[in-house]
Amino acid sequence: LSIGITAQLSEMGKFVIILIMFIGRV
């Protein structure tokens, strides 16, 4: 779920979310 900012994140912001998604899954 998102309030609508995912696509607007900076490159470093997207990379942070990638890490969090991966850590959250494993």
PDB file of all heavy atoms in Angstrom:
ATOM      1  N   LEU A   1       0.845  -1.191   0.000  1.00  0.00           N
ATOM      2  CA  LEU A   1       0.000   0.000   0.000  1.00  0.00           C
ATOM      3  C   LEU A   1       0.882   1.244   0.000  1.00  0.00           C
ATOM      4  O   LEU A   1       1.986   1.230   0.542  1.00  0.00           O
ATOM      5  CB  LEU A   1      -0.913   0.012   1.227  1.00  0.00           C
ATOM      6  CG  LEU A   1      -1.984  -1.079   1.299  1.00  0.00           C
ATOM      7  CD1 LEU A   1      -2.752  -0.982   2.611  1.00  0.00           C
ATOM      8  CD2 LEU A   1      -2.946  -0.981   0.120  1.00  0.00           C
ATOM      9  N   SER A   2       0.375   2.313  -0.602  1.00  0.00           N
ATOM     10  CA  SER A   2       1.144   3.553  -0.669  1.00  0.00           C
ATOM     11  C   SER A   2       0.188   4.731  -0.725  1.00  0.00           C
ATOM     12  O   SER A   2      -0.953   4.608  -1.187  1.00  0.00           O
ATOM     13  CB  SER A   2       2.048   3.553  -1.909  1.00  0.00           C
ATOM     14  OG  SER A   2       2.707   4.793  -2.052  1.00  0.00           O
ATOM     15  N   ILE A   3       0.665   5.882  -0.257  1.00  0.00           N
ATOM     16  CA  ILE A   3      -0.130   7.109  -0.356  1.00  0.00           C
ATOM     17  C   ILE A   3       0.158   7.800  -1.689  1.00  0.00           C
ATOM     18  O   ILE A   3      -0.358   8.863  -1.970  1.00  0.00           O
ATOM     19  CB  ILE A   3       0.152   8.046   0.850  1.00  0.00           C
ATOM     20  CG1 ILE A   3      -0.022   7.276   2.161  1.00  0.00           C
ATOM     21  CG2 ILE A   3      -0.780   9.227   0.875  1.00  0.00           C
ATOM     22  CD1 ILE A   3       0.251   8.093   3.394  1.00  0.00           C
ATOM     23  N   GLY A   4       0.989   7.189  -2.525  1.00  0.00           N
ATOM     24  CA  GLY A   4       1.201   7.683  -3.877  1.00  0.00           C
ATOM     25  C   GLY A   4       2.535   8.331  -4.144  1.00  0.00           C
ATOM     26  O   GLY A   4       2.655   9.117  -5.090  1.00  0.00           O
ATOM     27  N   ILE A   5       3.574   8.003  -3.349  1.00  0.00           N
ATOM     28  CA  ILE A   5       4.869   8.663  -3.554  1.00  0.00           C
ATOM     29  C   ILE A   5       5.947   7.713  -4.088  1.00  0.00           C
ATOM     30  O   ILE A   5       7.062   8.147  -4.347  1.00  0.00           O
ATOM     31  CB  ILE A   5       5.374   9.323  -2.250  1.00  0.00           C
ATOM     32  CG1 ILE A   5       5.754   8.232  -1.219  1.00  0.00           C
ATOM     33  CG2 ILE A   5       4.366  10.289  -1.694  1.00  0.00           C
ATOM     34  CD1 ILE A   5       6.599   8.752  -0.091  1.00  0.00           C
ATOM     35  N   THR A   6       5.639   6.429  -4.239  1.00  0.00           N
ATOM     36  CA  THR A   6       6.665   5.436  -4.595  1.00  0.00           C
ATOM     37  C   THR A   6       7.409   5.807  -5.874  1.00  0.00           C
ATOM     38  O   THR A   6       8.643   5.818  -5.907  1.00  0.00           O
ATOM     39  CB  THR A   6       6.035   4.045  -4.760  1.00  0.00           C
ATOM     40  OG1 THR A   6       5.164   3.779  -3.669  1.00  0.00           O
ATOM     41  CG2 THR A   6       7.108   2.973  -4.799  1.00  0.00           C
ATOM     42  N   ALA A   7       6.671   6.116  -6.925  1.00  0.00           N
ATOM     43  CA  ALA A   7       7.298   6.425  -8.207  1.00  0.00           C
ATOM     44  C   ALA A   7       8.053   7.749  -8.176  1.00  0.00           C
ATOM     45  O   ALA A   7       8.920   7.999  -9.021  1.00  0.00           O
ATOM     46  CB  ALA A   7       6.247   6.458  -9.306  1.00  0.00           C
ATOM     47  N   GLN A   8       7.733   8.628  -7.211  1.00  0.00           N
ATOM     48  CA  GLN A   8       8.366   9.950  -7.136  1.00  0.00           C
ATOM     49  C   GLN A   8       9.616   9.965  -6.268  1.00  0.00           C
ATOM     50  O   GLN A   8      10.279  10.999  -6.145  1.00  0.00           O
ATOM     51  CB  GLN A   8       7.355  10.965  -6.583  1.00  0.00           C
ATOM     52  CG  GLN A   8       6.072  11.056  -7.382  1.00  0.00           C
ATOM     53  CD  GLN A   8       4.964  11.748  -6.611  1.00  0.00           C
ATOM     54  OE1 GLN A   8       5.198  12.367  -5.582  1.00  0.00           O
ATOM     55  NE2 GLN A   8       3.743  11.621  -7.112  1.00  0.00           N
ATOM     56  N   LEU A   9       9.962   8.843  -5.659  1.00  0.00           N
ATOM     57  CA  LEU A   9      11.148   8.793  -4.799  1.00  0.00           C
ATOM     58  C   LEU A   9      12.421   8.988  -5.612  1.00  0.00           C
ATOM     59  O   LEU A   9      12.479   8.640  -6.792  1.00  0.00           O
ATOM     60  CB  LEU A   9      11.211   7.445  -4.065  1.00  0.00           C
ATOM     61  CG  LEU A   9      10.146   7.165  -3.002  1.00  0.00           C
ATOM     62  CD1 LEU A   9      10.245   5.720  -2.516  1.00  0.00           C
ATOM     63  CD2 LEU A   9      10.281   8.120  -1.820  1.00  0.00           C
ATOM     64  N   SER A  10      13.437   9.521  -4.953  1.00  0.00           N
ATOM     65  CA  SER A  10      14.737   9.669  -5.600  1.00  0.00           C
ATOM     66  C   SER A  10      15.372   8.294  -5.802  1.00  0.00           C
ATOM     67  O   SER A  10      14.876   7.286  -5.279  1.00  0.00           O
ATOM     68  CB  SER A  10      15.650  10.536  -4.734  1.00  0.00           C
ATOM     69  OG  SER A  10      15.897   9.889  -3.492  1.00  0.00           O
ATOM     70  N   GLU A  11      16.465   8.256  -6.556  1.00  0.00           N
ATOM     71  CA  GLU A  11      17.136   6.980  -6.800  1.00  0.00           C
ATOM     72  C   GLU A  11      17.607   6.342  -5.500  1.00  0.00           C
ATOM     73  O   GLU A  11      17.444   5.130  -5.294  1.00  0.00           O
ATOM     74  CB  GLU A  11      18.321   7.180  -7.756  1.00  0.00           C
ATOM     75  CG  GLU A  11      17.898   7.480  -9.185  1.00  0.00           C
ATOM     76  CD  GLU A  11      19.061   7.413 -10.151  1.00  0.00           C
ATOM     77  OE1 GLU A  11      20.219   7.241  -9.692  1.00  0.00           O
ATOM     78  OE2 GLU A  11      18.818   7.500 -11.367  1.00  0.00           O
ATOM     79  N   MET A  12      18.177   7.131  -4.602  1.00  0.00           N
ATOM     80  CA  MET A  12      18.615   6.599  -3.314  1.00  0.00           C
ATOM     81  C   MET A  12      17.417   6.191  -2.460  1.00  0.00           C
ATOM     82  O   MET A  12      17.476   5.199  -1.725  1.00  0.00           O
ATOM     83  CB  MET A  12      19.468   7.631  -2.574  1.00  0.00           C
ATOM     84  CG  MET A  12      20.862   7.822  -3.153  1.00  0.00           C
ATOM     85  SD  MET A  12      21.797   6.261  -3.257  1.00  0.00           S
ATOM     86  CE  MET A  12      21.897   5.802  -1.531  1.00  0.00           C
ATOM     87  N   GLY A  13      16.326   6.943  -2.581  1.00  0.00           N
ATOM     88  CA  GLY A  13      15.107   6.587  -1.851  1.00  0.00           C
ATOM     89  C   GLY A  13      14.552   5.250  -2.303  1.00  0.00           C
ATOM     90  O   GLY A  13      14.140   4.415  -1.485  1.00  0.00           O
ATOM     91  N   LYS A  14      14.560   5.012  -3.626  1.00  0.00           N
ATOM     92  CA  LYS A  14      14.101   3.719  -4.157  1.00  0.00           C
ATOM     93  C   LYS A  14      14.997   2.582  -3.667  1.00  0.00           C
ATOM     94  O   LYS A  14      14.510   1.500  -3.325  1.00  0.00           O
ATOM     95  CB  LYS A  14      14.093   3.749  -5.686  1.00  0.00           C
ATOM     96  CG  LYS A  14      13.004   4.620  -6.291  1.00  0.00           C
ATOM     97  CD  LYS A  14      13.112   4.647  -7.805  1.00  0.00           C
ATOM     98  CE  LYS A  14      12.063   5.563  -8.416  1.00  0.00           C
ATOM     99  NZ  LYS A  14      12.197   5.658  -9.891  1.00  0.00           N
ATOM    100  N   PHE A  15      16.308   2.863  -3.626  1.00  0.00           N
ATOM    101  CA  PHE A  15      17.241   1.824  -3.186  1.00  0.00           C
ATOM    102  C   PHE A  15      17.013   1.477  -1.714  1.00  0.00           C
ATOM    103  O   PHE A  15      17.102   0.307  -1.321  1.00  0.00           O
ATOM    104  CB  PHE A  15      18.681   2.297  -3.401  1.00  0.00           C
ATOM    105  CG  PHE A  15      19.702   1.219  -3.166  1.00  0.00           C
ATOM    106  CD1 PHE A  15      19.831   0.163  -4.049  1.00  0.00           C
ATOM    107  CD2 PHE A  15      20.520   1.246  -2.047  1.00  0.00           C
ATOM    108  CE1 PHE A  15      20.757  -0.849  -3.829  1.00  0.00           C
ATOM    109  CE2 PHE A  15      21.452   0.247  -1.817  1.00  0.00           C
ATOM    110  CZ  PHE A  15      21.575  -0.805  -2.712  1.00  0.00           C
ATOM    111  N   VAL A  16      16.700   2.482  -0.892  1.00  0.00           N
ATOM    112  CA  VAL A  16      16.390   2.245   0.524  1.00  0.00           C
ATOM    113  C   VAL A  16      15.153   1.349   0.644  1.00  0.00           C
ATOM    114  O   VAL A  16      15.133   0.385   1.425  1.00  0.00           O
ATOM    115  CB  VAL A  16      16.157   3.578   1.269  1.00  0.00           C
ATOM    116  CG1 VAL A  16      15.575   3.329   2.657  1.00  0.00           C
ATOM    117  CG2 VAL A  16      17.465   4.351   1.392  1.00  0.00           C
ATOM    118  N   ILE A  17      14.120   1.643  -0.144  1.00  0.00           N
ATOM    119  CA  ILE A  17      12.890   0.830  -0.117  1.00  0.00           C
ATOM    120  C   ILE A  17      13.173  -0.591  -0.585  1.00  0.00           C
ATOM    121  O   ILE A  17      12.623  -1.563  -0.038  1.00  0.00           O
ATOM    122  CB  ILE A  17      11.789   1.482  -0.984  1.00  0.00           C
ATOM    123  CG1 ILE A  17      11.346   2.816  -0.395  1.00  0.00           C
ATOM    124  CG2 ILE A  17      10.581   0.555  -1.114  1.00  0.00           C
ATOM    125  CD1 ILE A  17      10.716   2.714   0.982  1.00  0.00           C
ATOM    126  N   ILE A  18      14.050  -0.747  -1.579  1.00  0.00           N
ATOM    127  CA  ILE A  18      14.433  -2.084  -2.059  1.00  0.00           C
ATOM    128  C   ILE A  18      15.043  -2.887  -0.913  1.00  0.00           C
ATOM    129  O   ILE A  18      14.679  -4.060  -0.694  1.00  0.00           O
ATOM    130  CB  ILE A  18      15.431  -1.981  -3.233  1.00  0.00           C
ATOM    131  CG1 ILE A  18      14.721  -1.488  -4.500  1.00  0.00           C
ATOM    132  CG2 ILE A  18      16.091  -3.337  -3.511  1.00  0.00           C
ATOM    133  CD1 ILE A  18      15.658  -1.132  -5.633  1.00  0.00           C
ATOM    134  N   LEU A  19      15.969  -2.283  -0.184  1.00  0.00           N
ATOM    135  CA  LEU A  19      16.606  -2.962   0.954  1.00  0.00           C
ATOM    136  C   LEU A  19      15.590  -3.329   2.026  1.00  0.00           C
ATOM    137  O   LEU A  19      15.620  -4.430   2.583  1.00  0.00           O
ATOM    138  CB  LEU A  19      17.701  -2.078   1.549  1.00  0.00           C
ATOM    139  CG  LEU A  19      19.001  -1.939   0.744  1.00  0.00           C
ATOM    140  CD1 LEU A  19      19.950  -0.969   1.441  1.00  0.00           C
ATOM    141  CD2 LEU A  19      19.685  -3.296   0.582  1.00  0.00           C
ATOM    142  N   ILE A  20      14.686  -2.398   2.319  1.00  0.00           N
ATOM    143  CA  ILE A  20      13.681  -2.653   3.363  1.00  0.00           C
ATOM    144  C   ILE A  20      12.748  -3.787   2.945  1.00  0.00           C
ATOM    145  O   ILE A  20      12.395  -4.651   3.760  1.00  0.00           O
ATOM    146  CB  ILE A  20      12.885  -1.371   3.684  1.00  0.00           C
ATOM    147  CG1 ILE A  20      13.805  -0.309   4.277  1.00  0.00           C
ATOM    148  CG2 ILE A  20      11.755  -1.670   4.670  1.00  0.00           C
ATOM    149  CD1 ILE A  20      13.131   1.037   4.488  1.00  0.00           C
ATOM    150  N   MET A  21      12.342  -3.799   1.665  1.00  0.00           N
ATOM    151  CA  MET A  21      11.477  -4.880   1.174  1.00  0.00           C
ATOM    152  C   MET A  21      12.166  -6.235   1.329  1.00  0.00           C
ATOM    153  O   MET A  21      11.551  -7.214   1.767  1.00  0.00           O
ATOM    154  CB  MET A  21      11.103  -4.650  -0.291  1.00  0.00           C
ATOM    155  CG  MET A  21      10.084  -3.569  -0.538  1.00  0.00           C
ATOM    156  SD  MET A  21       9.426  -3.552  -2.230  1.00  0.00           S
ATOM    157  CE  MET A  21      10.877  -3.093  -3.184  1.00  0.00           C
ATOM    158  N   PHE A  22      13.440  -6.272   0.947  1.00  0.00           N
ATOM    159  CA  PHE A  22      14.185  -7.535   1.015  1.00  0.00           C
ATOM    160  C   PHE A  22      14.360  -7.990   2.458  1.00  0.00           C
ATOM    161  O   PHE A  22      14.131  -9.168   2.786  1.00  0.00           O
ATOM    162  CB  PHE A  22      15.543  -7.374   0.337  1.00  0.00           C
ATOM    163  CG  PHE A  22      16.319  -8.651   0.232  1.00  0.00           C
ATOM    164  CD1 PHE A  22      15.954  -9.628  -0.667  1.00  0.00           C
ATOM    165  CD2 PHE A  22      17.406  -8.889   1.059  1.00  0.00           C
ATOM    166  CE1 PHE A  22      16.657 -10.820  -0.759  1.00  0.00           C
ATOM    167  CE2 PHE A  22      18.116 -10.074   0.972  1.00  0.00           C
ATOM    168  CZ  PHE A  22      17.744 -11.037   0.062  1.00  0.00           C
ATOM    169  N   ILE A  23      14.758  -7.076   3.332  1.00  0.00           N
ATOM    170  CA  ILE A  23      14.938  -7.415   4.750  1.00  0.00           C
ATOM    171  C   ILE A  23      13.613  -7.844   5.364  1.00  0.00           C
ATOM    172  O   ILE A  23      13.552  -8.797   6.145  1.00  0.00           O
ATOM    173  CB  ILE A  23      15.539  -6.221   5.530  1.00  0.00           C
ATOM    174  CG1 ILE A  23      16.972  -5.957   5.074  1.00  0.00           C
ATOM    175  CG2 ILE A  23      15.510  -6.492   7.040  1.00  0.00           C
ATOM    176  CD1 ILE A  23      17.568  -4.685   5.631  1.00  0.00           C
ATOM    177  N   GLY A  24      12.528  -7.162   4.986  1.00  0.00           N
ATOM    178  CA  GLY A  24      11.217  -7.515   5.511  1.00  0.00           C
ATOM    179  C   GLY A  24      10.779  -8.905   5.098  1.00  0.00           C
ATOM    180  O   GLY A  24      10.124  -9.612   5.873  1.00  0.00           O
ATOM    181  N   ARG A  25      11.157  -9.308   3.892  1.00  0.00           N
ATOM    182  CA  ARG A  25      10.742 -10.644   3.412  1.00  0.00           C
ATOM    183  C   ARG A  25      11.536 -11.759   4.078  1.00  0.00           C
ATOM    184  O   ARG A  25      10.977 -12.780   4.467  1.00  0.00           O
ATOM    185  CB  ARG A  25      10.914 -10.721   1.887  1.00  0.00           C
ATOM    186  CG  ARG A  25      10.488 -12.063   1.281  1.00  0.00           C
ATOM    187  CD  ARG A  25       9.004 -12.273   1.427  1.00  0.00           C
ATOM    188  NE  ARG A  25       8.550 -13.522   0.841  1.00  0.00           N
ATOM    189  CZ  ARG A  25       8.332 -14.643   1.502  1.00  0.00           C
ATOM    190  NH1 ARG A  25       8.556 -14.692   2.810  1.00  0.00           N
ATOM    191  NH2 ARG A  25       7.885 -15.716   0.877  1.00  0.00           N
ATOM    192  N   VAL A  26      12.853 -11.587   4.209  1.00  0.00           N
ATOM    193  CA  VAL A  26      13.668 -12.666   4.777  1.00  0.00           C
ATOM    194  C   VAL A  26      13.835 -12.522   6.291  1.00  0.00           C
ATOM    195  O   VAL A  26      14.274 -13.463   6.947  1.00  0.00           O
ATOM    196  CB  VAL A  26      15.054 -12.745   4.110  1.00  0.00           C
ATOM    197  CG1 VAL A  26      14.922 -12.958   2.613  1.00  0.00           C
ATOM    198  CG2 VAL A  26      15.876 -11.490   4.373  1.00  0.00           C
TER     199      VAL A  26
END
